[in-house]
Amino acid sequence: MDKKAWRSDGRQGGRGTIAAKALVARGRTARRHELVPRYPRGRGVAAVATAVTRRSAALLVGSSIPSPSAERIALYTLGGRFVSFLLIYGLLLGVAVAGGSRRASTDGDGSTALATGVVAAVAYLVASAALLVVLDPNRVLTNAVAGVGSAVGVGVQLAVVVFAGLALADRRQTGA
């Protein structure tokens, strides 16, 4: 096999990226779209949906609109949790598996999961803070502690989902 690696512009060169060298070692040619890391999309959407879902009952009861019945509140809450479940385990896991199957190497999986966790935590914190300010603007310290604690939890949850999706894609590629 030729020892030269493929460069990102598609030509063969003496030095290339680690991802390109890994592709050449597998007997494949390196195409540009395989060298660009694919970060999962939808992590912020899933985090915001989770924030709204967790606060939906309080939003419905605490708002100025006429309060719906208890059955309606339970229905809205469960429906929101189902949508949140679909966004996290359908959209986010699916995008992570699809992005993971297109990547050249598994070197960036940890940083991808970390970036997902940070983006999800920030998106959840912003959405949760906005909702908590609307619901009860007087309890700032309690809302801040509750918001930060749950944001860390959601960030870790979504990071684990993305890491699992990338690991699943890797197992599919290697046939293990």
Foldseek 3Di string as FASTA:
>chain_A
DDQWFAALVGHTDNDHDPLRNLQVVVVHGDYNQQADQDAAPLLLVLLLLVLCLVCVLLCQVQDPPDRDDPVVSVVSSVVSVVVSCCSQQPRRLVSLLVRLLSYRDCPCLLVSLLVSLVSSLVSNLVSNVVVCCVRDVPPVPVSNVVSNVVSNVSSNVSSVSSSVSNVVNVCVVVVD
